[in-house]
Amino acid sequence: MQSRLTSVGYFSSATVAPDVEAVERDPALSEVPVLVELREMQSRRVALGAGFSTDHGPWA
């Protein structure tokens, strides 16, 4: 799961681990909670736009 989260291009790092403390507090849990820590990747994208309207002329 960690590699899938980092491969999408939004996160520079991802850590996925079971919440062991939650299980120790309540051993009767039927499901193990999961802790996910994500670090957002720095943005490197630039978006530009331009157009032309017959009523108003060019725009950017």
PDB file of N, CA and C in Angstrom:
ATOM      1  N   MET A   1       0.824  -1.183   0.000  1.00  0.00           N
ATOM      2  CA  MET A   1       0.000   0.000   0.000  1.00  0.00           C
ATOM      3  C   MET A   1       0.874   1.255   0.000  1.00  0.00           C
ATOM      4  N   GLN A   2       1.990   1.201   0.727  1.00  0.00           N
ATOM      5  CA  GLN A   2       2.867   2.369   0.780  1.00  0.00           C
ATOM      6  C   GLN A   2       3.367   2.739  -0.610  1.00  0.00           C
ATOM      7  N   SER A   3       3.807   1.749  -1.372  1.00  0.00           N
ATOM      8  CA  SER A   3       4.338   2.045  -2.709  1.00  0.00           C
ATOM      9  C   SER A   3       3.235   2.545  -3.636  1.00  0.00           C
ATOM     10  N   ARG A   4       2.023   2.054  -3.479  1.00  0.00           N
ATOM     11  CA  ARG A   4       0.917   2.543  -4.312  1.00  0.00           C
ATOM     12  C   ARG A   4       0.600   4.000  -4.002  1.00  0.00           C
ATOM     13  N   LEU A   5       0.670   4.380  -2.725  1.00  0.00           N
ATOM     14  CA  LEU A   5       0.392   5.767  -2.348  1.00  0.00           C
ATOM     15  C   LEU A   5       1.462   6.715  -2.886  1.00  0.00           C
ATOM     16  N   THR A   6       2.720   6.308  -2.828  1.00  0.00           N
ATOM     17  CA  THR A   6       3.779   7.184  -3.333  1.00  0.00           C
ATOM     18  C   THR A   6       3.834   7.199  -4.853  1.00  0.00           C
ATOM     19  N   SER A   7       3.354   6.143  -5.511  1.00  0.00           N
ATOM     20  CA  SER A   7       3.418   6.087  -6.970  1.00  0.00           C
ATOM     21  C   SER A   7       2.368   6.959  -7.661  1.00  0.00           C
ATOM     22  N   VAL A   8       1.359   7.430  -6.941  1.00  0.00           N
ATOM     23  CA  VAL A   8       0.333   8.256  -7.576  1.00  0.00           C
ATOM     24  C   VAL A   8       0.834   9.672  -7.874  1.00  0.00           C
ATOM     25  N   GLY A   9       1.950  10.073  -7.256  1.00  0.00           N
ATOM     26  CA  GLY A   9       2.530  11.373  -7.554  1.00  0.00           C
ATOM     27  C   GLY A   9       2.079  12.522  -6.675  1.00  0.00           C
ATOM     28  N   TYR A  10       1.259  12.249  -5.672  1.00  0.00           N
ATOM     29  CA  TYR A  10       0.787  13.301  -4.777  1.00  0.00           C
ATOM     30  C   TYR A  10       1.566  13.343  -3.466  1.00  0.00           C
ATOM     31  N   PHE A  11       2.234  12.229  -3.121  1.00  0.00           N
ATOM     32  CA  PHE A  11       2.905  12.121  -1.827  1.00  0.00           C
ATOM     33  C   PHE A  11       4.373  11.787  -2.022  1.00  0.00           C
ATOM     34  N   SER A  12       5.240  12.463  -1.257  1.00  0.00           N
ATOM     35  CA  SER A  12       6.672  12.160  -1.328  1.00  0.00           C
ATOM     36  C   SER A  12       7.015  10.952  -0.461  1.00  0.00           C
ATOM     37  N   SER A  13       6.220  10.697   0.565  1.00  0.00           N
ATOM     38  CA  SER A  13       6.424   9.510   1.392  1.00  0.00           C
ATOM     39  C   SER A  13       5.097   9.065   1.989  1.00  0.00           C
ATOM     40  N   ALA A  14       5.037   7.781   2.277  1.00  0.00           N
ATOM     41  CA  ALA A  14       3.836   7.201   2.883  1.00  0.00           C
ATOM     42  C   ALA A  14       4.263   6.091   3.829  1.00  0.00           C
ATOM     43  N   THR A  15       3.655   6.071   5.007  1.00  0.00           N
ATOM     44  CA  THR A  15       3.908   5.018   5.981  1.00  0.00           C
ATOM     45  C   THR A  15       2.559   4.450   6.404  1.00  0.00           C
ATOM     46  N   VAL A  16       2.442   3.140   6.310  1.00  0.00           N
ATOM     47  CA  VAL A  16       1.211   2.449   6.699  1.00  0.00           C
ATOM     48  C   VAL A  16       1.607   1.383   7.713  1.00  0.00           C
ATOM     49  N   ALA A  17       0.963   1.408   8.899  1.00  0.00           N
ATOM     50  CA  ALA A  17       1.309   0.457   9.960  1.00  0.00           C
ATOM     51  C   ALA A  17       0.076   0.144  10.794  1.00  0.00           C
ATOM     52  N   PRO A  18       0.028  -1.058  11.379  1.00  0.00           N
ATOM     53  CA  PRO A  18      -1.085  -1.383  12.275  1.00  0.00           C
ATOM     54  C   PRO A  18      -0.982  -0.558  13.555  1.00  0.00           C
ATOM     55  N   ASP A  19      -2.121  -0.214  14.126  1.00  0.00           N
ATOM     56  CA  ASP A  19      -2.158   0.519  15.389  1.00  0.00           C
ATOM     57  C   ASP A  19      -2.071  -0.496  16.527  1.00  0.00           C
ATOM     58  N   VAL A  20      -0.848  -0.868  16.874  1.00  0.00           N
ATOM     59  CA  VAL A  20      -0.601  -1.894  17.884  1.00  0.00           C
ATOM     60  C   VAL A  20      -1.143  -1.472  19.243  1.00  0.00           C
ATOM     61  N   GLU A  21      -1.016  -0.202  19.579  1.00  0.00           N
ATOM     62  CA  GLU A  21      -1.509   0.279  20.874  1.00  0.00           C
ATOM     63  C   GLU A  21      -3.022   0.086  21.003  1.00  0.00           C
ATOM     64  N   ALA A  22      -3.764   0.284  19.924  1.00  0.00           N
ATOM     65  CA  ALA A  22      -5.215   0.091  19.974  1.00  0.00           C
ATOM     66  C   ALA A  22      -5.556  -1.367  20.249  1.00  0.00           C
ATOM     67  N   VAL A  23      -4.798  -2.266  19.655  1.00  0.00           N
ATOM     68  CA  VAL A  23      -5.034  -3.700  19.882  1.00  0.00           C
ATOM     69  C   VAL A  23      -4.658  -4.080  21.312  1.00  0.00           C
ATOM     70  N   GLU A  24      -3.586  -3.492  21.831  1.00  0.00           N
ATOM     71  CA  GLU A  24      -3.190  -3.779  23.218  1.00  0.00           C
ATOM     72  C   GLU A  24      -4.228  -3.263  24.201  1.00  0.00           C
ATOM     73  N   ARG A  25      -4.837  -2.107  23.894  1.00  0.00           N
ATOM     74  CA  ARG A  25      -5.879  -1.561  24.776  1.00  0.00           C
ATOM     75  C   ARG A  25      -7.148  -2.404  24.734  1.00  0.00           C
ATOM     76  N   ASP A  26      -7.467  -2.950  23.566  1.00  0.00           N
ATOM     77  CA  ASP A  26      -8.692  -3.731  23.413  1.00  0.00           C
ATOM     78  C   ASP A  26      -8.395  -4.992  22.606  1.00  0.00           C
ATOM     79  N   PRO A  27      -7.932  -6.053  23.261  1.00  0.00           N
ATOM     80  CA  PRO A  27      -7.582  -7.286  22.561  1.00  0.00           C
ATOM     81  C   PRO A  27      -8.777  -7.961  21.874  1.00  0.00           C
ATOM     82  N   ALA A  28      -9.997  -7.564  22.207  1.00  0.00           N
ATOM     83  CA  ALA A  28     -11.185  -8.174  21.615  1.00  0.00           C
ATOM     84  C   ALA A  28     -11.534  -7.586  20.249  1.00  0.00           C
ATOM     85  N   LEU A  29     -10.737  -6.640  19.769  1.00  0.00           N
ATOM     86  CA  LEU A  29     -11.022  -6.042  18.453  1.00  0.00           C
ATOM     87  C   LEU A  29     -11.048  -7.113  17.376  1.00  0.00           C
ATOM     88  N   SER A  30     -12.047  -7.058  16.528  1.00  0.00           N
ATOM     89  CA  SER A  30     -12.118  -8.018  15.432  1.00  0.00           C
ATOM     90  C   SER A  30     -11.404  -7.505  14.182  1.00  0.00           C
ATOM     91  N   GLU A  31     -11.091  -6.213  14.177  1.00  0.00           N
ATOM     92  CA  GLU A  31     -10.348  -5.606  13.081  1.00  0.00           C
ATOM     93  C   GLU A  31      -9.219  -4.778  13.670  1.00  0.00           C
ATOM     94  N   VAL A  32      -8.113  -4.721  12.972  1.00  0.00           N
ATOM     95  CA  VAL A  32      -6.960  -3.961  13.446  1.00  0.00           C
ATOM     96  C   VAL A  32      -6.964  -2.590  12.776  1.00  0.00           C
ATOM     97  N   PRO A  33      -7.002  -1.510  13.567  1.00  0.00           N
ATOM     98  CA  PRO A  33      -6.925  -0.171  12.986  1.00  0.00           C
ATOM     99  C   PRO A  33      -5.568   0.031  12.303  1.00  0.00           C
ATOM    100  N   VAL A  34      -5.565   0.841  11.269  1.00  0.00           N
ATOM    101  CA  VAL A  34      -4.351   1.107  10.511  1.00  0.00           C
ATOM    102  C   VAL A  34      -4.029   2.593  10.600  1.00  0.00           C
ATOM    103  N   LEU A  35      -2.761   2.902  10.856  1.00  0.00           N
ATOM    104  CA  LEU A  35      -2.293   4.281  10.893  1.00  0.00           C
ATOM    105  C   LEU A  35      -1.625   4.588   9.562  1.00  0.00           C
ATOM    106  N   VAL A  36      -2.007   5.700   8.950  1.00  0.00           N
ATOM    107  CA  VAL A  36      -1.443   6.114   7.671  1.00  0.00           C
ATOM    108  C   VAL A  36      -0.851   7.506   7.840  1.00  0.00           C
ATOM    109  N   GLU A  37       0.418   7.650   7.516  1.00  0.00           N
ATOM    110  CA  GLU A  37       1.083   8.951   7.576  1.00  0.00           C
ATOM    111  C   GLU A  37       1.562   9.292   6.171  1.00  0.00           C
ATOM    112  N   LEU A  38       1.114  10.447   5.687  1.00  0.00           N
ATOM    113  CA  LEU A  38       1.448  10.884   4.333  1.00  0.00           C
ATOM    114  C   LEU A  38       2.171  12.215   4.361  1.00  0.00           C
ATOM    115  N   ARG A  39       3.137  12.366   3.500  1.00  0.00           N
ATOM    116  CA  ARG A  39       3.832  13.647   3.343  1.00  0.00           C
ATOM    117  C   ARG A  39       3.572  14.105   1.909  1.00  0.00           C
ATOM    118  N   GLU A  40       2.973  15.292   1.798  1.00  0.00           N
ATOM    119  CA  GLU A  40       2.586  15.826   0.495  1.00  0.00           C
ATOM    120  C   GLU A  40       3.826  16.196  -0.327  1.00  0.00           C
ATOM    121  N   MET A  41       3.775  15.856  -1.617  1.00  0.00           N
ATOM    122  CA  MET A  41       4.866  16.198  -2.513  1.00  0.00           C
ATOM    123  C   MET A  41       4.785  17.682  -2.869  1.00  0.00           C
ATOM    124  N   GLN A  42       5.937  18.314  -3.007  1.00  0.00           N
ATOM    125  CA  GLN A  42       5.951  19.719  -3.404  1.00  0.00           C
ATOM    126  C   GLN A  42       5.404  19.849  -4.822  1.00  0.00           C
ATOM    127  N   SER A  43       4.622  20.887  -5.027  1.00  0.00           N
ATOM    128  CA  SER A  43       4.012  21.111  -6.332  1.00  0.00           C
ATOM    129  C   SER A  43       5.067  21.564  -7.334  1.00  0.00           C
ATOM    130  N   ARG A  44       5.028  20.975  -8.513  1.00  0.00           N
ATOM    131  CA  ARG A  44       5.963  21.337  -9.580  1.00  0.00           C
ATOM    132  C   ARG A  44       5.221  21.618 -10.875  1.00  0.00           C
ATOM    133  N   ARG A  45       3.966  21.909 -10.773  1.00  0.00           N
ATOM    134  CA  ARG A  45       3.150  22.084 -11.964  1.00  0.00           C
ATOM    135  C   ARG A  45       2.811  23.543 -12.191  1.00  0.00           C
ATOM    136  N   VAL A  46       2.771  23.910 -13.433  1.00  0.00           N
ATOM    137  CA  VAL A  46       2.373  25.249 -13.829  1.00  0.00           C
ATOM    138  C   VAL A  46       1.242  25.088 -14.840  1.00  0.00           C
ATOM    139  N   ALA A  47       0.181  25.833 -14.657  1.00  0.00           N
ATOM    140  CA  ALA A  47      -0.944  25.767 -15.584  1.00  0.00           C
ATOM    141  C   ALA A  47      -1.084  27.115 -16.288  1.00  0.00           C
ATOM    142  N   LEU A  48      -1.240  27.061 -17.581  1.00  0.00           N
ATOM    143  CA  LEU A  48      -1.430  28.258 -18.383  1.00  0.00           C
ATOM    144  C   LEU A  48      -2.700  28.102 -19.199  1.00  0.00           C
ATOM    145  N   GLY A  49      -3.303  29.215 -19.527  1.00  0.00           N
ATOM    146  CA  GLY A  49      -4.495  29.151 -20.358  1.00  0.00           C
ATOM    147  C   GLY A  49      -4.603  30.380 -21.229  1.00  0.00           C
ATOM    148  N   ALA A  50      -5.200  30.213 -22.361  1.00  0.00           N
ATOM    149  CA  ALA A  50      -5.418  31.330 -23.278  1.00  0.00           C
ATOM    150  C   ALA A  50      -6.649  31.014 -24.113  1.00  0.00           C
ATOM    151  N   GLY A  51      -7.193  32.024 -24.720  1.00  0.00           N
ATOM    152  CA  GLY A  51      -8.361  31.809 -25.562  1.00  0.00           C
ATOM    153  C   GLY A  51      -8.666  33.025 -26.393  1.00  0.00           C
ATOM    154  N   PHE A  52      -9.694  32.885 -27.179  1.00  0.00           N
ATOM    155  CA  PHE A  52     -10.110  33.981 -28.037  1.00  0.00           C
ATOM    156  C   PHE A  52     -11.628  33.966 -28.129  1.00  0.00           C
ATOM    157  N   SER A  53     -12.189  35.126 -28.021  1.00  0.00           N
ATOM    158  CA  SER A  53     -13.638  35.268 -28.138  1.00  0.00           C
ATOM    159  C   SER A  53     -13.922  36.259 -29.245  1.00  0.00           C
ATOM    160  N   THR A  54     -14.885  35.957 -30.079  1.00  0.00           N
ATOM    161  CA  THR A  54     -15.226  36.873 -31.167  1.00  0.00           C
ATOM    162  C   THR A  54     -15.836  38.155 -30.622  1.00  0.00           C
ATOM    163  N   ASP A  55     -16.417  38.101 -29.416  1.00  0.00           N
ATOM    164  CA  ASP A  55     -17.009  39.287 -28.817  1.00  0.00           C
ATOM    165  C   ASP A  55     -15.987  40.145 -28.080  1.00  0.00           C
ATOM    166  N   HIS A  56     -14.972  39.509 -27.460  1.00  0.00           N
ATOM    167  CA  HIS A  56     -14.052  40.234 -26.590  1.00  0.00           C
ATOM    168  C   HIS A  56     -12.596  40.159 -27.039  1.00  0.00           C
ATOM    169  N   GLY A  57     -12.256  39.365 -28.012  1.00  0.00           N
ATOM    170  CA  GLY A  57     -10.881  39.242 -28.478  1.00  0.00           C
ATOM    171  C   GLY A  57     -10.094  38.241 -27.643  1.00  0.00           C
ATOM    172  N   PRO A  58      -8.749  38.316 -27.705  1.00  0.00           N
ATOM    173  CA  PRO A  58      -7.917  37.334 -26.979  1.00  0.00           C
ATOM    174  C   PRO A  58      -7.953  37.563 -25.470  1.00  0.00           C
ATOM    175  N   TRP A  59      -7.728  36.482 -24.726  1.00  0.00           N
ATOM    176  CA  TRP A  59      -7.627  36.568 -23.270  1.00  0.00           C
ATOM    177  C   TRP A  59      -6.596  35.548 -22.791  1.00  0.00           C
ATOM    178  N   ALA A  60      -6.080  35.805 -21.619  1.00  0.00           N
ATOM    179  CA  ALA A  60      -5.096  34.879 -21.038  1.00  0.00           C
ATOM    180  C   ALA A  60      -5.437  34.584 -19.619  1.00  0.00           C
TER     181      ALA A  60
END
